[in-house]
Amino acid sequence: MIIDPNGEDVVILNPQTGEVYDTYKQGIEIRPLETVQQKRDWFQKKQQREQETAYIEKHNEQNDIEFGPFIWSVYENSKQLWPDIQPSFITMLMFLVTYMNYRGYLMTPNNQILAKSKLYEYLYVTKQTAYKFCSEMEKYKLLTFKDDKIFPNPNLFKKDRLDAKFIGMMAENGCNITRLYVEGVRSLYLRNLGVGVKRLSCVFRILPFVNREYNIVCWNPFETDITKIQRMKVKDFADSIGLDSSNIQRLVEDLFEAKFILRDKPTRFIHYVVFDTMHEEDWGIYVNPNLYYAGSHPKEVEILGAFDQ
C-alpha cells in the first residue's frame, strides 16, 4: 500500500507486477486498522450478548418450576462481593431482596409495603443496627428509600424477566447473574439467626466464585466442561475475602453448619470435596443449588453435592 505524503491518495500495488489496483473498481475497501478493530470488538460483544441471552432464556422457566420463585442477582465475576460493606449487611440485603415485587420495591408476604420504619422487625435486629444498615445501603446505592418504599438497585436485582439490552450490558461489563431462590434464602437467614448474620455472610461472599453450571467454587465460573473447571480450595477462598489463615477452620465450620429447610427437610448450604489430603484448607466446595443457581442441571449438582448427608 502506498499513501501520498499529503494523505490524499491511497493505492494498492501488486508486489509481483507493480500493477496499481483501483480500490473501488476491484471491490476493495480500505479501512483504518482502528476501525477494523472496533468492528471486531462490536461483533464479539454482539455474539456474547446473543449467547448470554439464549442461555438465560433457555433455563429461566425450567428453574422457576424446579425451585420456585427467585430474584435475579448480578455481580462481578471472581471479585469480592461489595468488599467495602460490612459482611453482616450483605446477608441482610440478600434476605431483604427476596421480598421484592414486580414493581421493584419490597412487599411483605401479605401484600403490605415493607416500610423503612419496620425493617428492624423483619431483619430481627435493633433499631440502631437497622439505621446503620440503611445508611450504608444508601451510601453504596444498593437500596433507595422513596415515598416510604424500599427499592433494591435495579441494575443488581430484578424480579421480572430480563431483556436482551440488560443482559448485553451485564455481559459487556464482565458480570454474571444468578437466581436467588426465595424459599432457600429466607429459610437460611431465619434458621441461622443464632449463628449470626456476620458469619452467615460467607454464604453470599462466596457467590462470585461459583461456577454457574455446576455450583463449584472455582477460578473460572463460566466454564461448562466439568473436566476443565479449576477448583478453588477453601484456603484460596479465604484469601480472596481477606480472611487470615488462622480462621480457616472457623470458616469451614460456618459454611458447613449453615442449613436451611427444603421440602420440610434440613439441608446444608455446602458440601466439601476431599481431594488428596484431609487438610481442611485444601478441600473443594460445592454450593447447594436450592439457595442460588444460574445453570441448567440443578439435579446433577444436588447429586454431586449430597447436601442432605
Protein backbone atom coordinates (compact mmCIF):
# COMPACT_ATOMS: atom_id res chain seq x y z
CA MET A 1 0.00 0.00 0.00
CA ILE A 2 1.31 3.46 -0.92
CA ILE A 3 -0.04 6.56 0.78
CA ASP A 4 0.50 10.05 -0.63
CA PRO A 5 2.55 12.22 1.79
CA ASN A 6 -0.31 14.72 1.84
CA GLY A 7 -2.66 11.93 2.89
CA GLU A 8 -4.91 12.35 -0.16
CA ASP A 9 -4.17 9.37 -2.45
CA VAL A 10 -4.15 5.73 -1.43
CA VAL A 11 -3.29 2.93 -3.86
CA ILE A 12 -2.67 -0.81 -3.53
CA LEU A 13 0.14 -2.36 -5.62
CA ASN A 14 0.60 -5.93 -6.78
CA PRO A 15 4.04 -6.77 -5.27
CA GLN A 16 4.93 -9.01 -8.22
CA THR A 17 3.86 -6.88 -11.20
CA GLY A 18 3.70 -3.40 -9.71
CA GLU A 19 0.17 -3.09 -11.09
CA VAL A 20 -1.99 -0.49 -9.37
CA TYR A 21 -5.35 -1.73 -8.15
CA ASP A 22 -8.23 0.74 -8.12
CA THR A 23 -9.76 0.11 -4.70
CA TYR A 24 -13.32 0.77 -5.77
CA LYS A 25 -13.35 -0.96 -9.16
CA GLN A 26 -11.75 -4.05 -7.69
CA GLY A 27 -14.19 -4.08 -4.79
CA ILE A 28 -11.53 -3.46 -2.16
CA GLU A 29 -12.46 -1.28 0.78
CA ILE A 30 -9.68 0.36 2.78
CA ARG A 31 -10.38 0.92 6.47
CA PRO A 32 -8.11 2.22 9.21
CA LEU A 33 -6.91 -0.57 11.50
CA GLU A 34 -8.63 1.17 14.40
CA THR A 35 -11.98 0.95 12.61
CA VAL A 36 -11.44 -2.73 11.81
CA GLN A 37 -10.69 -3.48 15.47
CA GLN A 38 -13.79 -1.59 16.55
CA LYS A 39 -15.86 -3.71 14.19
CA ARG A 40 -14.33 -6.89 15.58
CA ASP A 41 -14.99 -5.79 19.16
CA TRP A 42 -18.59 -4.91 18.29
CA PHE A 43 -19.15 -8.29 16.64
CA GLN A 44 -17.64 -10.18 19.58
CA LYS A 45 -19.82 -8.27 22.04
CA LYS A 46 -22.87 -8.93 19.86
CA GLN A 47 -22.12 -12.66 19.87
CA GLN A 48 -21.58 -12.59 23.62
CA ARG A 49 -24.91 -10.82 24.16
CA GLU A 50 -26.76 -13.29 21.95
CA GLN A 51 -25.18 -16.31 23.65
CA GLU A 52 -25.88 -14.95 27.13
CA THR A 53 -29.47 -14.07 26.22
CA ALA A 54 -30.09 -17.55 24.78
CA TYR A 55 -28.51 -19.23 27.80
CA ILE A 56 -30.62 -17.33 30.33
CA GLU A 57 -33.89 -17.56 28.41
CA LYS A 58 -33.43 -21.30 27.84
CA HIS A 59 -33.23 -22.10 31.54
CA ASN A 60 -35.45 -19.39 33.02
CA GLU A 61 -38.79 -21.20 33.13
CA GLN A 62 -37.23 -24.58 33.94
CA ASN A 63 -35.57 -23.35 37.12
CA ASP A 64 -38.64 -21.39 38.22
CA ILE A 65 -40.60 -24.65 38.19
CA GLU A 66 -37.74 -26.58 39.81
CA PHE A 67 -37.04 -24.45 42.88
CA GLY A 68 -39.83 -21.88 42.99
CA PRO A 69 -39.79 -18.06 42.84
CA PHE A 70 -36.45 -16.29 42.61
CA ILE A 71 -34.78 -12.89 42.32
CA TRP A 72 -32.13 -12.20 39.69
CA SER A 73 -28.85 -11.08 41.26
CA VAL A 74 -25.99 -9.51 39.26
CA TYR A 75 -22.37 -9.46 40.45
CA GLU A 76 -18.82 -9.22 39.13
CA ASN A 77 -17.03 -12.50 38.48
CA SER A 78 -14.20 -13.64 40.74
CA LYS A 79 -14.20 -10.44 42.78
CA GLN A 80 -15.20 -9.80 46.34
CA LEU A 81 -18.89 -9.11 46.72
CA TRP A 82 -19.07 -5.48 47.88
CA PRO A 83 -15.79 -5.53 49.85
CA ASP A 84 -16.41 -2.13 51.48
CA ILE A 85 -19.68 -3.18 53.08
CA GLN A 86 -19.97 -4.78 56.49
CA PRO A 87 -20.31 -8.57 55.99
CA SER A 88 -23.45 -8.76 58.14
CA PHE A 89 -25.12 -6.14 55.95
CA ILE A 90 -24.53 -8.29 52.86
CA THR A 91 -26.53 -11.10 54.47
CA MET A 92 -29.30 -8.72 55.47
CA LEU A 93 -29.50 -7.27 51.96
CA MET A 94 -29.74 -10.67 50.27
CA PHE A 95 -32.52 -11.64 52.66
CA LEU A 96 -34.46 -8.42 52.06
CA VAL A 97 -34.37 -8.52 48.26
CA THR A 98 -36.38 -11.76 48.33
CA TYR A 99 -39.35 -9.52 49.28
CA MET A 100 -39.00 -7.56 46.04
CA ASN A 101 -42.14 -7.34 43.87
CA TYR A 102 -42.52 -6.84 40.12
CA ARG A 103 -42.72 -3.07 40.59
CA GLY A 104 -39.23 -3.06 42.06
CA TYR A 105 -39.90 -2.35 45.75
CA LEU A 106 -40.19 -4.53 48.85
CA MET A 107 -43.52 -6.01 49.94
CA THR A 108 -44.46 -8.22 52.87
CA PRO A 109 -46.00 -11.68 52.24
CA ASN A 110 -49.47 -10.21 52.99
CA ASN A 111 -49.00 -7.56 50.25
CA GLN A 112 -48.20 -4.65 52.51
CA ILE A 113 -45.41 -2.19 51.72
CA LEU A 114 -42.30 -3.11 53.69
CA ALA A 115 -41.55 0.28 55.20
CA LYS A 116 -38.15 1.52 56.32
CA SER A 117 -39.50 2.03 59.84
CA LYS A 118 -40.33 -1.70 60.06
CA LEU A 119 -37.05 -3.08 58.74
CA TYR A 120 -35.64 -3.91 62.15
CA GLU A 121 -38.61 -6.23 62.79
CA TYR A 122 -38.10 -8.16 59.56
CA LEU A 123 -34.34 -8.35 59.96
CA TYR A 124 -34.54 -9.27 63.67
CA VAL A 125 -32.03 -6.58 64.61
CA THR A 126 -32.09 -3.49 66.80
CA LYS A 127 -33.36 -0.15 65.51
CA GLN A 128 -29.83 1.20 65.73
CA THR A 129 -28.45 -1.62 63.56
CA ALA A 130 -31.27 -1.13 61.06
CA TYR A 131 -30.46 2.59 60.87
CA LYS A 132 -26.76 1.88 60.17
CA PHE A 133 -27.75 -0.72 57.60
CA CYS A 134 -29.99 1.74 55.74
CA SER A 135 -27.29 4.42 55.78
CA GLU A 136 -24.74 2.05 54.27
CA MET A 137 -27.19 0.77 51.67
CA GLU A 138 -27.89 4.33 50.56
CA LYS A 139 -24.20 5.22 50.54
CA TYR A 140 -23.34 2.39 48.15
CA LYS A 141 -26.60 2.75 46.17
CA LEU A 142 -27.77 -0.77 46.89
CA LEU A 143 -31.14 0.37 48.26
CA THR A 144 -33.13 3.54 47.62
CA PHE A 145 -35.74 4.83 50.05
CA LYS A 146 -38.55 6.83 48.47
CA ASP A 147 -42.17 7.54 49.48
CA ASP A 148 -41.84 5.07 52.36
CA LYS A 149 -40.89 2.33 49.86
CA ILE A 150 -37.60 0.45 49.59
CA PHE A 151 -36.19 -0.11 46.09
CA PRO A 152 -33.27 -2.51 45.53
CA ASN A 153 -30.83 -1.29 42.86
CA PRO A 154 -32.48 -2.31 39.54
CA ASN A 155 -29.07 -2.86 37.92
CA LEU A 156 -28.26 -5.53 40.51
CA PHE A 157 -31.60 -7.10 41.42
CA LYS A 158 -34.62 -7.89 39.24
CA LYS A 159 -37.86 -9.76 39.74
CA ASP A 160 -39.17 -9.81 36.17
CA ARG A 161 -37.77 -11.39 33.02
CA LEU A 162 -34.52 -9.98 31.67
CA ASP A 163 -34.43 -8.20 28.34
CA ALA A 164 -31.63 -8.50 25.78
CA LYS A 165 -30.37 -4.97 26.44
CA PHE A 166 -29.90 -5.65 30.15
CA ILE A 167 -28.20 -8.98 29.51
CA GLY A 168 -25.90 -7.38 26.94
CA MET A 169 -24.88 -4.63 29.36
CA MET A 170 -24.20 -7.20 32.06
CA ALA A 171 -22.07 -9.38 29.76
CA GLU A 172 -20.05 -6.43 28.42
CA ASN A 173 -19.23 -5.37 31.99
CA GLY A 174 -17.84 -8.82 32.85
CA CYS A 175 -20.70 -9.64 35.21
CA ASN A 176 -22.53 -12.84 35.97
CA ILE A 177 -26.09 -13.35 37.07
CA THR A 178 -27.76 -15.96 39.23
CA ARG A 179 -31.11 -16.76 40.76
CA LEU A 180 -31.58 -16.19 44.49
CA TYR A 181 -34.31 -18.64 45.46
CA VAL A 182 -36.80 -17.00 47.79
CA GLU A 183 -37.61 -20.02 49.93
CA GLY A 184 -33.99 -21.06 50.38
CA VAL A 185 -32.58 -17.60 51.19
CA ARG A 186 -35.34 -16.75 53.67
CA SER A 187 -35.07 -20.09 55.39
CA LEU A 188 -31.28 -19.81 55.61
CA TYR A 189 -31.48 -16.36 57.20
CA LEU A 190 -34.27 -17.09 59.67
CA ARG A 191 -32.96 -20.50 60.68
CA ASN A 192 -29.43 -19.28 61.42
CA LEU A 193 -30.02 -16.09 63.40
CA GLY A 194 -28.29 -17.73 66.33
CA VAL A 195 -25.16 -18.23 64.25
CA GLY A 196 -25.04 -14.52 63.47
CA VAL A 197 -25.58 -12.74 60.17
CA LYS A 198 -21.92 -11.75 60.02
CA ARG A 199 -20.73 -15.36 59.99
CA LEU A 200 -23.51 -16.22 57.57
CA SER A 201 -22.21 -13.63 55.09
CA CYS A 202 -19.67 -16.16 53.76
CA VAL A 203 -22.61 -17.91 52.11
CA PHE A 204 -23.03 -14.90 49.82
CA ARG A 205 -19.46 -13.64 49.69
CA ILE A 206 -18.54 -16.93 48.04
CA LEU A 207 -21.05 -16.28 45.23
CA PRO A 208 -18.71 -14.56 42.66
CA PHE A 209 -16.50 -17.66 42.63
CA VAL A 210 -19.28 -20.20 42.00
CA ASN A 211 -19.38 -21.93 38.62
CA ARG A 212 -22.77 -21.15 37.17
CA GLU A 213 -23.38 -24.60 35.71
CA TYR A 214 -22.01 -26.91 38.42
CA ASN A 215 -22.05 -24.65 41.50
CA ILE A 216 -18.43 -25.50 42.24
CA VAL A 217 -16.35 -22.77 43.85
CA CYS A 218 -13.66 -22.15 41.24
CA TRP A 219 -11.42 -19.75 39.31
CA ASN A 220 -13.36 -19.99 36.02
CA PRO A 221 -17.11 -19.56 36.76
CA PHE A 222 -18.15 -19.59 33.08
CA GLU A 223 -16.53 -22.95 32.22
CA THR A 224 -19.13 -25.53 31.15
CA ASP A 225 -16.80 -28.55 30.80
CA ILE A 226 -16.56 -30.03 34.28
CA THR A 227 -13.17 -31.57 33.48
CA LYS A 228 -11.73 -28.09 32.83
CA ILE A 229 -13.03 -26.38 35.94
CA GLN A 230 -10.21 -25.01 38.08
CA ARG A 231 -11.47 -25.74 41.57
CA MET A 232 -10.77 -23.27 44.31
CA LYS A 233 -9.65 -24.61 47.67
CA VAL A 234 -11.00 -23.37 50.97
CA LYS A 235 -7.75 -21.52 51.67
CA ASP A 236 -7.99 -19.80 48.25
CA PHE A 237 -11.45 -18.54 49.03
CA ALA A 238 -10.30 -17.38 52.46
CA ASP A 239 -7.51 -15.40 50.80
CA SER A 240 -9.91 -13.87 48.29
CA ILE A 241 -12.05 -12.33 51.04
CA GLY A 242 -9.07 -11.29 53.16
CA LEU A 243 -9.54 -13.92 55.85
CA ASP A 244 -6.49 -14.81 57.90
CA SER A 245 -5.30 -18.42 57.60
CA SER A 246 -5.78 -18.88 61.34
CA ASN A 247 -9.54 -18.53 60.80
CA ILE A 248 -9.89 -21.15 58.07
CA GLN A 249 -11.24 -23.81 60.40
CA ARG A 250 -13.87 -21.36 61.62
CA LEU A 251 -14.79 -20.61 58.00
CA VAL A 252 -15.15 -24.33 57.27
CA GLU A 253 -17.42 -24.75 60.27
CA ASP A 254 -19.53 -21.68 59.45
CA LEU A 255 -20.21 -22.81 55.90
CA PHE A 256 -20.85 -26.42 56.87
CA GLU A 257 -23.19 -25.55 59.74
CA ALA A 258 -25.30 -23.18 57.63
CA LYS A 259 -28.54 -25.08 56.94
CA PHE A 260 -32.00 -24.27 55.66
CA ILE A 261 -35.31 -26.07 55.27
CA LEU A 262 -36.09 -27.56 51.88
CA ARG A 263 -39.33 -29.50 51.38
CA ASP A 264 -39.69 -29.78 55.16
CA LYS A 265 -36.21 -31.26 55.49
CA PRO A 266 -32.99 -29.60 56.77
CA THR A 267 -30.30 -29.37 54.11
CA ARG A 268 -26.76 -27.96 54.11
CA PHE A 269 -25.66 -24.93 52.15
CA ILE A 270 -22.37 -26.53 51.05
CA HIS A 271 -20.71 -29.89 50.59
CA TYR A 272 -16.95 -30.30 50.88
CA VAL A 273 -14.95 -32.43 48.47
CA VAL A 274 -11.74 -34.01 49.74
CA PHE A 275 -9.07 -34.46 47.07
CA ASP A 276 -5.62 -35.72 48.04
CA THR A 277 -5.49 -34.56 51.62
CA MET A 278 -7.57 -34.37 54.77
CA HIS A 279 -6.35 -30.85 55.50
CA GLU A 280 -9.45 -28.65 55.57
CA GLU A 281 -7.75 -25.76 53.79
CA ASP A 282 -7.26 -27.94 50.68
CA TRP A 283 -10.86 -29.10 50.36
CA GLY A 284 -13.09 -28.18 47.41
CA ILE A 285 -16.60 -26.74 47.77
CA TYR A 286 -19.97 -27.44 46.12
CA VAL A 287 -22.84 -24.98 46.73
CA ASN A 288 -26.44 -26.14 47.15
CA PRO A 289 -28.40 -25.02 44.03
CA ASN A 290 -31.58 -24.66 46.08
CA LEU A 291 -30.16 -21.44 47.51
CA TYR A 292 -28.79 -19.85 44.35
CA TYR A 293 -28.10 -21.26 40.92
CA ALA A 294 -27.64 -19.98 37.34
CA GLY A 295 -27.29 -23.19 35.33
CA SER A 296 -29.43 -25.84 33.71
CA HIS A 297 -28.71 -29.08 35.60
CA PRO A 298 -29.68 -28.49 39.24
CA LYS A 299 -30.40 -32.15 39.94
CA GLU A 300 -26.91 -33.15 38.84
CA VAL A 301 -25.44 -30.61 41.24
CA GLU A 302 -27.63 -31.93 44.07
CA ILE A 303 -26.33 -35.45 43.43
CA LEU A 304 -22.71 -34.30 43.23
CA GLY A 305 -23.04 -32.34 46.43
CA ALA A 306 -25.07 -34.77 48.57
CA PHE A 307 -26.23 -31.84 50.72
CA ASP A 308 -28.60 -33.89 52.86
CA GLN A 309 -25.89 -36.11 54.33
